[in-house]
Protein backbone atom coordinates (compact mmCIF):
# COMPACT_ATOMS: atom_id res chain seq x y z
CA MET A 1 -86.16 -4.45 99.28
CA TYR A 2 -87.99 -7.85 99.00
CA LYS A 3 -85.79 -10.90 98.62
CA ILE A 4 -87.12 -13.63 96.23
CA LEU A 5 -85.69 -17.21 96.06
CA LEU A 6 -86.30 -19.17 92.76
CA THR A 7 -86.28 -22.80 93.01
CA ASP A 8 -86.39 -25.16 90.12
CA ASP A 9 -84.31 -27.95 88.72
CA GLU A 10 -84.64 -26.50 85.13
CA GLN A 11 -82.34 -23.54 84.50
CA ILE A 12 -84.72 -22.12 81.65
CA VAL A 13 -87.55 -21.76 84.19
CA ILE A 14 -85.20 -19.82 86.57
CA ASP A 15 -83.97 -17.68 83.70
CA SER A 16 -87.51 -16.90 82.77
CA LEU A 17 -88.90 -15.89 86.08
CA SER A 18 -85.75 -13.74 86.65
CA PHE A 19 -86.09 -11.80 83.49
CA ILE A 20 -89.92 -11.14 84.37
CA ILE A 21 -89.06 -10.15 87.89
CA ASN A 22 -86.07 -7.98 87.29
CA LYS A 23 -87.90 -6.18 84.38
CA ASN A 24 -91.13 -5.46 86.33
CA PHE A 25 -89.66 -5.05 89.82
CA GLU A 26 -86.47 -3.18 89.29
CA GLY A 27 -84.90 -1.63 92.31
CA GLN A 28 -87.56 -3.47 94.52
CA VAL A 29 -86.17 -7.11 94.75
CA GLN A 30 -82.86 -9.11 95.26
CA VAL A 31 -83.19 -12.53 93.32
CA PHE A 32 -81.61 -15.69 94.62
CA THR A 33 -81.76 -18.98 92.80
CA ALA A 34 -81.62 -22.81 93.76
CA LEU A 35 -81.63 -25.83 91.56
CA SER A 36 -82.53 -28.23 94.45
CA GLY A 37 -84.60 -28.33 97.65
CA THR A 38 -81.49 -28.74 99.66
CA GLU A 39 -79.84 -25.66 98.21
CA ALA A 40 -83.15 -23.69 98.86
CA ILE A 41 -83.04 -24.78 102.42
CA GLU A 42 -79.63 -23.56 102.85
CA ILE A 43 -80.16 -20.26 101.15
CA SER A 44 -83.38 -19.72 103.46
CA THR A 45 -81.34 -20.33 106.55
CA LYS A 46 -78.65 -17.74 105.62
CA GLU A 47 -80.84 -15.08 103.92
CA ASP A 48 -83.98 -13.16 105.21
CA ILE A 49 -86.00 -14.41 102.26
CA ASP A 50 -89.51 -12.94 101.74
CA ILE A 51 -91.03 -14.75 98.70
CA ILE A 52 -90.17 -18.28 97.36
CA PHE A 53 -91.01 -19.76 94.01
CA MET A 54 -90.84 -23.63 94.49
CA ASP A 55 -90.95 -26.34 91.92
CA ILE A 56 -93.00 -29.28 93.24
CA ASN A 57 -91.37 -31.85 91.21
CA MET A 58 -87.51 -31.88 91.59
CA PRO A 59 -84.98 -34.86 91.93
CA GLY A 60 -84.00 -35.63 95.46
CA LEU A 61 -85.90 -33.60 98.06
CA SER A 62 -89.31 -32.79 96.67
CA GLY A 63 -90.87 -29.28 96.54
CA LEU A 64 -93.53 -30.15 99.13
CA ASP A 65 -90.79 -31.53 101.53
CA THR A 66 -88.66 -28.64 101.10
CA ILE A 67 -91.46 -25.96 101.84
CA SER A 68 -92.43 -27.92 104.55
CA CYS A 69 -89.02 -27.73 106.17
CA ILE A 70 -88.66 -23.98 105.32
CA LEU A 71 -91.91 -22.97 106.90
CA LYS A 72 -91.22 -24.73 109.91
CA LEU A 73 -88.08 -22.61 110.20
CA LYS A 74 -89.57 -19.39 108.89
CA PRO A 75 -93.36 -19.55 108.81
CA ASN A 76 -93.74 -15.90 107.41
CA ILE A 77 -92.21 -16.42 104.14
CA ALA A 78 -94.71 -16.33 101.17
CA VAL A 79 -94.21 -19.61 99.19
CA ILE A 80 -95.60 -19.60 95.66
CA ILE A 81 -95.73 -23.28 94.11
CA LEU A 82 -94.79 -23.98 90.66
CA SER A 83 -96.09 -27.32 88.84
CA ALA A 84 -96.43 -28.49 85.38
CA PHE A 85 -99.46 -30.42 86.68
CA ASP A 86 -102.94 -28.84 87.42
CA ARG A 87 -103.77 -31.32 90.06
CA PHE A 88 -106.24 -30.75 92.87
CA GLN A 89 -104.36 -33.07 95.35
CA TYR A 90 -100.96 -31.18 94.81
CA ALA A 91 -102.70 -27.81 95.24
CA GLN A 92 -104.37 -28.91 98.27
CA GLU A 93 -101.35 -30.46 100.05
CA ALA A 94 -99.29 -27.14 99.18
CA MET A 95 -102.11 -25.16 100.64
CA ASN A 96 -102.24 -27.29 103.83
CA LEU A 97 -98.47 -26.83 104.27
CA GLY A 98 -98.92 -23.07 104.22
CA ALA A 99 -98.23 -22.09 100.56
CA PHE A 100 -99.47 -18.67 99.47
CA LYS A 101 -100.38 -19.43 95.81
CA TYR A 102 -100.31 -22.38 93.25
CA ILE A 103 -99.19 -21.62 89.60
CA THR A 104 -99.09 -24.05 86.82
CA LYS A 105 -96.33 -24.17 84.24
CA PRO A 106 -95.74 -22.77 81.65
CA VAL A 107 -95.73 -19.59 83.85
CA ASN A 108 -97.88 -16.70 82.59
CA ARG A 109 -96.05 -13.30 82.80
CA ASN A 110 -99.15 -11.44 84.04
CA THR A 111 -99.91 -14.14 86.62
CA VAL A 112 -96.39 -13.81 88.10
CA ILE A 113 -96.47 -10.17 88.30
CA GLN A 114 -99.82 -10.04 90.02
CA THR A 115 -98.91 -12.94 92.44
CA ILE A 116 -95.55 -11.09 93.40
CA ARG A 117 -97.51 -8.05 94.13
CA SER A 118 -100.18 -9.78 96.16
CA ALA A 119 -97.11 -11.59 98.09
CA MET A 120 -95.58 -8.19 98.75
CA ASP A 121 -98.97 -6.74 100.00
CA LEU A 122 -99.24 -9.91 102.33
CA ILE A 123 -95.60 -9.07 103.66
CA ASP A 124 -96.17 -5.48 104.20
CA SER A 125 -99.35 -6.07 106.19
CA ARG A 126 -97.67 -8.64 108.37
CA GLN A 127 -94.76 -6.13 109.00
CA GLY A 128 -97.21 -3.38 109.78
CA ALA A 129 -98.74 -5.61 112.46
CA SER A 130 -95.23 -6.22 113.74
CA VAL A 131 -94.64 -2.28 113.85
CA SER A 132 -97.93 -2.00 115.90
CA ASP A 133 -96.69 -4.48 118.38
CA THR A 134 -93.40 -2.54 118.81
CA ASP A 135 -95.33 0.68 119.21
CA PHE A 136 -97.38 -0.89 122.12
CA HIS A 137 -94.28 -2.21 123.89
CA LYS A 138 -92.72 1.24 123.68
CA LYS A 139 -95.55 2.62 125.76
CA LEU A 140 -94.87 0.04 128.35
CA ASP A 141 -91.16 0.77 128.65
CA LEU A 142 -91.74 3.22 131.58
CA ILE A 143 -92.91 0.48 133.69
CA SER A 144 -90.97 -2.57 132.17
CA PRO A 145 -87.79 -2.19 134.18
CA MET A 146 -89.72 -2.41 137.45
CA ILE A 147 -91.71 -5.41 136.13
CA GLU A 148 -88.28 -7.05 135.00
CA SER A 149 -86.77 -6.54 138.44
CA ASP A 150 -89.98 -8.05 140.18
CA PHE A 151 -89.92 -11.03 137.75
CA ILE A 152 -86.09 -11.72 138.29
CA TYR A 153 -86.41 -11.27 142.17
CA ALA A 154 -89.42 -13.56 142.30
CA CYS A 155 -87.61 -16.22 140.27
CA LEU A 156 -84.39 -16.30 142.33
CA PHE A 157 -85.34 -15.32 145.79
CA THR A 158 -89.07 -16.19 146.49
CA ASN A 159 -90.16 -19.52 148.04
CA ASP A 160 -93.85 -18.36 147.87
CA LYS A 161 -95.65 -20.88 145.65
CA ALA A 162 -98.64 -18.33 145.08
CA ILE A 163 -96.49 -16.26 142.85
CA ASP A 164 -97.43 -17.09 139.13
CA ILE A 165 -94.08 -16.94 137.34
CA SER A 166 -95.95 -18.16 134.34
CA ALA A 167 -97.76 -14.72 134.24
CA TYR A 168 -94.51 -12.98 134.07
CA LEU A 169 -93.25 -15.35 131.26
CA ASP A 170 -96.45 -14.82 129.22
CA TYR A 171 -95.93 -11.06 129.56
CA PHE A 172 -92.42 -11.09 128.30
CA ASN A 173 -93.19 -13.69 125.63
CA LEU A 174 -90.83 -16.05 127.02
CA SER A 175 -93.15 -19.08 127.84
CA ASN A 176 -91.25 -21.41 125.49
CA SER A 177 -87.75 -19.85 125.65
CA ASP A 178 -84.53 -21.43 126.82
CA PHE A 179 -82.29 -18.93 128.94
CA CYS A 180 -79.13 -18.27 130.67
CA VAL A 181 -78.29 -16.07 133.68
CA ILE A 182 -75.83 -13.31 133.52
CA CYS A 183 -74.40 -11.64 136.51
CA LEU A 184 -72.72 -8.30 136.38
CA GLU A 185 -70.55 -6.81 139.05
CA VAL A 186 -70.10 -3.04 138.30
CA PRO A 187 -67.07 -1.11 140.05
CA LYS A 188 -67.40 2.18 141.91
CA ILE A 189 -71.49 2.70 141.94
CA ASP A 190 -72.38 6.09 143.19
CA PRO A 191 -75.64 5.55 145.31
CA ALA A 192 -76.97 8.86 144.25
CA ASN A 193 -76.89 7.90 140.37
CA GLN A 194 -77.62 4.18 141.03
CA TYR A 195 -80.82 4.20 138.95
CA GLU A 196 -79.60 6.23 136.04
CA THR A 197 -76.64 3.70 136.05
CA PHE A 198 -79.06 0.88 135.88
CA LEU A 199 -81.18 2.48 132.99
CA LYS A 200 -77.99 3.06 130.92
CA ILE A 201 -76.71 -0.47 131.37
CA ARG A 202 -80.08 -1.87 130.63
CA GLU A 203 -80.28 0.35 127.30
CA ILE A 204 -76.64 -1.17 126.22
CA LEU A 205 -77.67 -4.72 127.12
CA ASN A 206 -80.80 -4.48 124.88
CA ARG A 207 -79.32 -3.04 121.79
CA ASP A 208 -78.89 -6.19 119.92
CA HIS A 209 -80.88 -8.68 121.91
CA ARG A 210 -83.81 -8.69 124.35
CA VAL A 211 -82.59 -9.02 127.96
CA LEU A 212 -84.33 -8.86 131.15
CA VAL A 213 -82.44 -6.70 133.78
CA SER A 214 -82.77 -6.23 137.42
CA SER A 215 -82.02 -3.41 139.57
CA PHE A 216 -78.86 -3.26 141.59
CA MET A 217 -78.17 -5.33 144.33
CA LEU A 218 -75.35 -3.63 146.09
CA ASN A 219 -72.97 -3.48 143.05
CA ARG A 220 -74.48 -6.20 141.12
CA ILE A 221 -76.98 -6.61 138.29
CA ILE A 222 -78.74 -9.92 137.33
CA ALA A 223 -79.82 -10.28 133.57
CA LEU A 224 -81.82 -13.07 132.08
CA TYR A 225 -80.68 -13.76 128.59
CA PRO A 226 -83.46 -15.51 126.50
CA VAL A 227 -81.93 -18.15 123.96
CA GLU A 228 -83.46 -18.93 120.72
CA LYS A 229 -84.49 -22.53 120.21
CA ASN A 230 -82.29 -23.04 117.22
CA ALA A 231 -79.28 -21.48 118.65
CA SER A 232 -76.20 -23.44 119.41
CA PRO A 233 -74.30 -22.87 122.68
CA GLN A 234 -71.47 -21.58 120.56
CA GLU A 235 -73.59 -18.93 118.94
CA VAL A 236 -74.96 -17.83 122.47
CA LEU A 237 -71.52 -17.62 123.64
CA GLU A 238 -70.40 -15.21 120.96
CA GLN A 239 -73.46 -13.13 121.15
CA ILE A 240 -73.09 -12.62 124.73
CA GLN A 241 -69.41 -11.82 124.51
CA LYS A 242 -70.22 -9.12 121.82
CA MET A 243 -73.06 -7.63 124.24
CA ILE A 244 -70.53 -7.44 127.13
CA SER A 245 -67.81 -6.08 125.06
CA ASN A 246 -70.07 -3.38 123.86
CA LEU A 247 -71.12 -2.61 127.53
CA SER A 248 -67.46 -2.48 128.56
CA PHE A 249 -66.61 -0.19 125.77
CA ASN A 250 -69.51 2.28 126.37
CA PHE A 251 -69.64 1.95 130.22
CA SER A 252 -66.77 0.62 132.14
CA ALA A 253 -63.97 -1.77 131.23
CA GLY A 254 -63.82 -2.92 134.79
CA ILE A 255 -67.10 -4.90 134.68
CA ARG A 256 -66.75 -8.32 135.93
CA THR A 257 -69.33 -10.87 134.22
CA GLY A 258 -70.42 -14.47 134.94
CA VAL A 259 -72.63 -16.49 132.69
CA SER A 260 -74.50 -19.85 133.40
CA HIS A 261 -75.16 -22.77 131.12
CA ILE A 262 -78.37 -22.66 128.97
CA PHE A 263 -81.33 -23.86 130.90
CA THR A 264 -84.97 -24.65 130.13
CA GLY A 265 -87.73 -24.26 132.60
CA SER A 266 -88.34 -21.70 135.38
CA THR A 267 -87.47 -24.37 138.04
CA ASP A 268 -83.76 -24.04 137.06
CA PHE A 269 -83.38 -20.18 137.57
CA SER A 270 -81.68 -20.31 140.97
CA ILE A 271 -79.30 -23.03 139.72
CA ALA A 272 -78.49 -20.81 136.67
CA TYR A 273 -77.87 -17.81 139.02
CA ASN A 274 -75.57 -19.77 141.26
CA GLU A 275 -73.52 -21.03 138.31
CA ALA A 276 -73.26 -17.21 137.07
CA VAL A 277 -72.09 -16.30 140.50
CA ALA A 278 -69.61 -18.98 140.80
CA ALA A 279 -68.34 -18.03 137.45
CA ILE A 280 -67.95 -14.37 138.33
CA ILE A 281 -65.53 -15.27 141.20
CA LYS A 282 -63.21 -16.78 138.60
CA THR A 283 -62.86 -13.63 136.65
CA ASP A 284 -59.99 -11.10 136.94
CA GLU A 285 -60.48 -8.36 139.50
CA ALA A 286 -59.74 -5.90 136.81
CA GLY A 287 -62.71 -6.87 134.97
CA GLY A 288 -63.59 -9.87 132.40
CA ILE A 289 -65.97 -12.55 131.50
CA GLN A 290 -66.23 -16.10 132.65
CA PHE A 291 -68.59 -18.78 131.35
CA ALA A 292 -69.90 -21.89 133.26
CA TYR A 293 -68.24 -23.61 130.25
CA SER A 294 -65.32 -22.52 128.55
CA GLN A 295 -65.10 -21.36 124.89
CA SER A 296 -62.27 -23.84 124.34
CA GLU A 297 -64.62 -26.67 125.38
CA LEU A 298 -67.37 -25.51 123.02
CA GLN A 299 -64.88 -25.15 120.25
CA ASP A 300 -63.31 -28.60 120.81
CA ASN A 301 -66.82 -30.02 120.73
CA THR A 302 -67.87 -28.32 117.53
CA ARG A 303 -64.49 -29.53 115.93
CA ASN A 304 -65.20 -32.97 117.07
CA ILE A 305 -68.68 -33.00 115.64
CA GLU A 306 -67.54 -31.99 112.17
CA GLU A 307 -64.47 -34.23 112.31
CA PHE A 308 -66.56 -37.25 113.03
CA LYS A 309 -68.97 -36.33 110.22
CA LYS A 310 -66.06 -35.78 107.77
CA GLN A 311 -64.86 -39.32 108.77
CA LEU A 312 -68.22 -40.83 108.47
CA LEU A 313 -68.61 -39.59 104.93
CA VAL A 314 -65.03 -40.91 104.16
CA HIS A 315 -66.08 -44.49 105.07
CA LEU A 316 -69.28 -44.14 103.29
CA ARG A 317 -67.40 -43.48 100.02
CA GLN A 318 -65.24 -46.54 100.85
CA GLY A 319 -68.50 -48.58 101.44
CA ASP A 320 -67.22 -49.42 104.91
CA ALA A 321 -70.27 -50.26 107.02
CA ASN A 322 -68.17 -50.93 110.48
CA GLY A 323 -66.41 -47.38 110.00
CA ILE A 324 -69.94 -45.70 109.39
CA LYS A 325 -71.37 -47.31 112.62
CA SER A 326 -68.41 -46.26 114.63
CA PHE A 327 -68.30 -42.82 113.42
CA LEU A 328 -72.08 -42.36 113.46
CA SER A 329 -72.04 -43.35 117.26
CA LEU A 330 -69.30 -40.83 118.05
CA TYR A 331 -71.04 -38.13 115.84
CA THR A 332 -74.51 -38.53 117.66
CA SER A 333 -72.85 -38.92 121.13
CA GLU A 334 -71.09 -35.43 120.74
CA LEU A 335 -74.23 -33.90 119.01
CA PHE A 336 -76.63 -35.08 121.53
CA GLU A 337 -74.35 -33.86 124.23
CA ALA A 338 -73.68 -30.31 122.70
CA GLN A 339 -77.18 -29.58 121.60
CA LYS A 340 -80.23 -29.68 123.82
CA ASP A 341 -82.83 -28.43 121.26
CA LEU A 342 -84.33 -31.43 119.71
CA ASN A 343 -85.14 -29.38 116.30
CA VAL A 344 -81.70 -28.62 115.95
CA ILE A 345 -80.59 -32.12 116.62
CA LYS A 346 -83.15 -33.26 113.78
CA ASN A 347 -81.78 -30.65 111.26
CA ASN A 348 -78.26 -31.90 111.86
CA LEU A 349 -79.53 -35.45 111.25
CA PHE A 350 -81.65 -34.45 108.17
CA GLU A 351 -78.42 -32.55 106.62
CA LEU A 352 -76.19 -35.52 107.33
CA ILE A 353 -78.65 -38.02 105.54
CA ILE A 354 -79.22 -35.65 102.56
CA THR A 355 -75.26 -35.19 102.26
CA ALA A 356 -74.99 -38.92 102.39
CA ARG A 357 -77.60 -39.36 99.72
CA ASN A 358 -75.75 -36.74 97.46
CA VAL A 359 -72.32 -38.63 97.91
CA THR A 360 -74.08 -41.79 97.03
CA ASN A 361 -75.49 -40.00 93.77
CA GLU A 362 -72.00 -38.75 92.86
CA ILE A 363 -70.91 -42.66 92.84
CA ILE A 364 -73.99 -44.15 91.59
CA LYS A 365 -75.52 -41.98 88.77
CA ASP A 366 -78.82 -44.15 88.53
CA LEU A 367 -79.65 -44.19 92.00
CA PRO A 368 -83.30 -44.01 92.30
CA GLN A 369 -84.39 -40.36 93.02
CA ASN A 370 -87.11 -41.32 95.49
CA THR A 371 -84.50 -42.88 97.97
CA PHE A 372 -85.23 -41.31 101.46
CA ASP A 373 -88.36 -39.40 100.30
CA ASN A 374 -89.71 -39.95 103.86
CA VAL A 375 -86.77 -38.63 105.78
CA PHE A 376 -88.06 -35.32 106.66
CA SER A 377 -91.52 -36.84 107.73
CA VAL A 378 -90.02 -39.33 109.85
CA LEU A 379 -87.57 -37.19 111.63
CA SER A 380 -90.24 -34.51 112.33
CA SER A 381 -92.74 -36.98 113.91
CA GLU A 382 -90.08 -38.86 116.09
CA ASN A 383 -88.64 -37.36 119.18
CA ASP A 384 -86.87 -40.37 120.77
CA LEU A 385 -83.12 -39.84 120.47
CA THR A 386 -82.33 -43.68 120.16
CA VAL A 387 -84.81 -44.04 117.43
CA LEU A 388 -83.49 -41.05 115.57
CA LYS A 389 -80.08 -42.38 115.63
CA GLU A 390 -81.21 -45.87 114.49
CA PHE A 391 -83.13 -44.41 111.50
CA THR A 392 -80.07 -42.36 110.54
CA GLN A 393 -77.85 -45.31 110.77
CA LYS A 394 -80.37 -47.12 108.47
CA CYS A 395 -80.28 -44.67 105.80
CA LEU A 396 -76.55 -44.38 105.80
CA LEU A 397 -76.15 -48.17 105.51
CA GLU A 398 -78.54 -48.11 102.77
CA CYS A 399 -76.27 -45.88 100.95
CA GLU A 400 -73.23 -47.70 102.00
CA SER A 401 -74.75 -51.06 100.68
CA ALA A 402 -75.47 -49.50 97.30
CA ILE A 403 -71.83 -48.06 97.18
CA ALA A 404 -70.28 -51.42 98.29
CA SER A 405 -72.27 -53.44 95.72
CA ARG A 406 -71.11 -50.94 92.99
CA LYS A 407 -67.54 -51.06 94.13
CA ALA A 408 -67.57 -55.01 94.28
CA HIS A 409 -68.30 -54.95 90.62
CA VAL A 410 -65.84 -52.33 89.63
CA GLU A 411 -63.06 -52.43 92.33
CA ASN A 412 -59.66 -52.06 90.58
CA PRO A 413 -57.70 -55.22 91.23
CA VAL A 414 -54.56 -53.27 92.03
CA ILE A 415 -56.21 -51.51 94.97
CA LYS A 416 -57.87 -54.93 96.12
CA LYS A 417 -54.52 -56.58 96.00
CA VAL A 418 -52.75 -53.63 98.02
CA CYS A 419 -55.63 -53.32 100.66
CA ASP A 420 -55.74 -56.94 101.48
CA TYR A 421 -51.77 -56.93 102.06
CA LEU A 422 -52.22 -53.72 104.21
CA ASN A 423 -54.79 -55.26 106.34
CA MET A 424 -52.80 -58.25 107.18
CA HIS A 425 -49.33 -56.48 107.65
CA LEU A 426 -50.41 -53.03 109.69
CA SER A 427 -47.78 -53.71 112.44
CA GLU A 428 -44.93 -53.35 109.70
CA ASP A 429 -43.29 -50.56 108.13
CA LEU A 430 -45.51 -49.61 105.08
CA SER A 431 -44.65 -47.13 102.28
CA LEU A 432 -46.00 -46.05 98.92
CA GLU A 433 -43.04 -47.04 97.33
CA GLN A 434 -43.09 -50.52 98.80
CA MET A 435 -46.67 -51.28 97.90
CA ALA A 436 -46.08 -49.95 94.31
CA ASP A 437 -43.31 -52.59 93.91
CA PHE A 438 -45.53 -55.28 95.43
CA ALA A 439 -48.43 -54.49 92.92
CA ASN A 440 -46.02 -53.94 90.06
CA VAL A 441 -47.09 -50.39 89.38
CA SER A 442 -45.49 -47.00 89.68
CA SER A 443 -45.78 -45.13 92.93
CA PHE A 444 -47.40 -42.05 91.25
CA TYR A 445 -50.11 -44.45 89.62
CA LEU A 446 -50.78 -46.12 92.98
CA SER A 447 -51.17 -42.77 94.64
CA LYS A 448 -53.69 -41.51 92.03
CA LEU A 449 -55.50 -44.80 92.01
CA PHE A 450 -55.81 -44.59 95.99
CA LYS A 451 -57.26 -41.21 95.74
CA GLU A 452 -59.82 -42.12 93.13
CA GLU A 453 -60.75 -45.36 94.53
CA LYS A 454 -60.91 -44.81 98.41
CA GLY A 455 -61.40 -41.02 98.53
CA VAL A 456 -58.39 -40.42 100.72
CA THR A 457 -54.45 -40.54 100.29
CA PHE A 458 -52.42 -43.70 100.72
CA ILE A 459 -51.06 -42.52 104.01
CA ASN A 460 -54.36 -41.41 105.41
CA PHE A 461 -55.82 -44.70 104.58
CA ILE A 462 -53.09 -46.42 106.48
CA SER A 463 -53.63 -44.23 109.42
CA ASP A 464 -57.38 -44.73 109.49
CA ARG A 465 -56.88 -48.60 109.31
CA ARG A 466 -54.29 -48.39 112.33
CA LEU A 467 -56.74 -46.26 114.35
CA GLU A 468 -59.58 -48.53 113.72
CA LYS A 469 -57.53 -51.48 114.65
CA THR A 470 -56.46 -49.74 117.76
CA ARG A 471 -60.09 -49.15 118.84
CA ASP A 472 -60.72 -52.85 118.17
CA LEU A 473 -57.91 -54.03 120.25
CA LEU A 474 -58.74 -51.56 123.05
CA LYS A 475 -62.39 -52.95 123.06
CA ASN A 476 -61.71 -56.77 122.57
CA THR A 477 -58.51 -57.37 124.22
CA ASP A 478 -56.47 -56.91 127.55
CA LEU A 479 -53.30 -55.94 125.67
CA SER A 480 -51.47 -52.63 127.19
CA ILE A 481 -51.33 -49.46 125.15
CA LYS A 482 -47.73 -50.27 124.67
CA GLU A 483 -48.32 -53.53 123.20
CA ILE A 484 -51.19 -52.19 121.16
CA THR A 485 -48.92 -49.31 119.70
CA THR A 486 -46.39 -51.99 118.39
CA GLU A 487 -49.39 -54.27 117.12
CA VAL A 488 -50.61 -51.31 114.94
CA GLY A 489 -47.13 -50.42 113.49
CA TYR A 490 -46.18 -47.39 115.68
CA ASN A 491 -43.15 -47.04 117.63
CA ASP A 492 -44.18 -44.18 119.86
CA GLN A 493 -46.94 -44.59 122.46
CA ASN A 494 -47.45 -40.91 122.96
CA TYR A 495 -47.78 -40.35 119.23
CA LEU A 496 -50.41 -42.92 118.94
CA SER A 497 -52.25 -41.46 121.98
CA ARG A 498 -52.07 -37.92 120.39
CA ILE A 499 -53.45 -38.96 117.07
CA PHE A 500 -56.08 -41.27 118.57
CA LYS A 501 -57.55 -38.43 120.79
CA ASN A 502 -57.44 -35.89 117.80
CA ARG A 503 -59.65 -38.52 115.77
CA TYR A 504 -61.99 -39.70 118.52
CA GLY A 505 -61.93 -37.02 121.27
CA LEU A 506 -60.67 -39.38 123.76
CA SER A 507 -57.05 -40.83 124.66
CA PRO A 508 -56.67 -44.59 124.35
CA SER A 509 -56.90 -45.06 128.22
CA GLU A 510 -60.04 -42.80 128.34
CA TYR A 511 -61.78 -44.83 125.58
CA ARG A 512 -61.06 -48.12 127.21
CA ASN A 513 -62.45 -46.68 130.50
CA SER A 514 -65.41 -45.44 128.79
CA LEU A 515 -66.28 -48.93 127.48
C-alpha cells in the first residue's frame, strides 16, 4: 500500500487528482490531502508518506520551501511538482531540491498515471536495496554479539588509545548517533546457562529498536541505546520504558535497570555508564527502572514549553511586544535546555513563526502573503542559538507590530477605557460587574467584548497583568514578596507564589535569584 499526499491550495485540483488516482490505483494507495505547505509538513511527519504531489505556488509557505523542509526530514519521499508555469528555473530549482518529476497544470490524466507508476517503481527499488542490506546483516548475526561486547568493553574499560572506536561506530552505522547507556541487573543467573540468557535478553531488547548489548559481567549487562537525532528526551524515555517492560514481562520481573542521560560523542561513554550504574542503585531491590533524570522533570519541562508558547501567542493577539519578548525568552530558555538536537530546535522555532504568521493572518486578512518567505532558509543556514532566538523575536515582533497597528485603528473605546483603568488599579479588588458599571455597559457585553478583543477572558486578563507586574517589581525593585503581593492585588503570598510558578516555572524568590 502506497501513501500519497496531494498538496494544493485549490480544492478542484485535489479532487481531480484524487479521482484519477483512486480510479486507476484502487486498492494500491491511501490518499491524504493538504491545502497548505504547513499542513503538508505536519502530515508528512505523522504519516509514512511515499509520494507527494506539491503545488509550487501557494499562499504562505511556498511549494519549494515545503519540499525542502520535508526532504530534509524524509529524503526517500518521491516528490512530484505541480505548476501552472512551464518555467525552466522553477523546474531546475525543484530538481536541485530532490524532486522526482515536474508536471505543468492542467494535469494530464495519462501523465499522472505514468508518473505515479514510475514513482512506485523507484520506491520499490529503494525498498529492495533495503531488503538486501537486511539480508547481509542477518548473515553477520552469528558474530555480532561478540563484536558488540568487544565494542562496549573497549568504550568503557580500555585506556589504550590505539583502539580505533570509530571503526566500531562505522560498522554499527552509529557514527552520527546520540546515545544513552542502559545497565541491567538480572537476578539469579545460572552460570551454566549464562550465554543462552544473554542471547535471549539481546533478542528481546532488539525487537523494536536496535540496541548494542554486552555479555554478562557477573549479573549485569550493559546496553548502548542509539538515539535518533530528531527524538526528544521524553520520546526516548517512553521507548526505553516500553522496551524494559517487554523484557520484564517475557523474562523476569525482578530486573533492575538504570538509564543515563542522552550523550553525544564516544568520549562520554564512561560518564554515561557511571550515570546508569548510579541510577540502578536507586531502584527497588525487587526490580524497577530509574533514569538519571526523572519522568516528572521531563513532563514539567514539556508542559513549560507548551505553556510559554501558548502565552506567547496570547500576547501576540493582544499586540503586546513586551509580553512577547518575555515569554519568548522563557520559551527558548526551556527549549534550549530540554533539546540538544539543533535541528529539532530549528523545527520548533520554524513551527512557532509559522503559527504566529497564521494567527496574524486571522486578524489581518490582507497581510502580504510573502511575509517570512525566507524563514526556512535562514533557520536552515544558522547554527548559533543566540542568533536563532533574535531572528525568531524579529519575526514575532513584525507580526505584533502589524496587529498593534491594526488594533490601534479599530480598538473598541469601551475596552480601552477599562484596560487603562485596570492597569492603574491592579492593587485593588476588581470585578467584571464593577468594570461594567464603570464603562456603563452590561457585564455580559463586557465579558464577550473582552474575549473578542483580547483573546482571553476578563479574569485571565487581570491575572496576566498582575503576574507581569509581579515580574517587573521583582526585577526592578527591592520590595519583599509580601509587599509585592499587596501591590498587585493579592491577599495571600502563598497563592501568588503558586500561580507565579505555574506560569513561569520558578517561584518569585527563585526568579529574583536567577536575575
